[in-house]
């Protein structure tokens, strides 16, 4: 698997899967979630409503992943994940970091099951959810590498972290180099 990071807008990526840093309602929100819903169009929202009506009536739990159509995005699918909210270093050590890692692992598991070869990730939890960027980057890169090593991401040839802003790009670049 090739892992890379680029600065830019994840909604403009031409990949098999765009990963959405969603909230548990799956019904849109701010940041990456809102941008994906706006650019993907009503098809994404309709698919998310179907997920809520059928498999996740109480919302998508933190650390899990579910796929929908990508609507008008230049992708085949959107895989929605719900990252944990930062609650301090102690909480991170008590399992919340594992929930963040699970977002990447589960998104890759779902993507692999769909037959996806290319997956674009945002910096899950590092925006409005407050996760420190450097820690989010290290956790994301380690989770992707472990998923590749453990066969969870079978068939996925490219993982691209698409990062908004210089701080995010620098943190993910450093994590990839480390």
Foldseek 3Di string as FASTA:
>chain_A
DDEEEDEDQLLQDQFAEEEAQDAQQQQADDDRRNVQDVQLDPQSNVFSVVCCVPPNVPGDDQLAWDWGASRNGNHGIYIYHHAAQDDDPVVCVVCSLVSLLSRLLNSLLVCVVVLTQEYEYELHCVPPSPDPLLSSLLSNVVSNVVSVVVVSNPNHNYYYYYYYDDVNNVSNVVNVVD
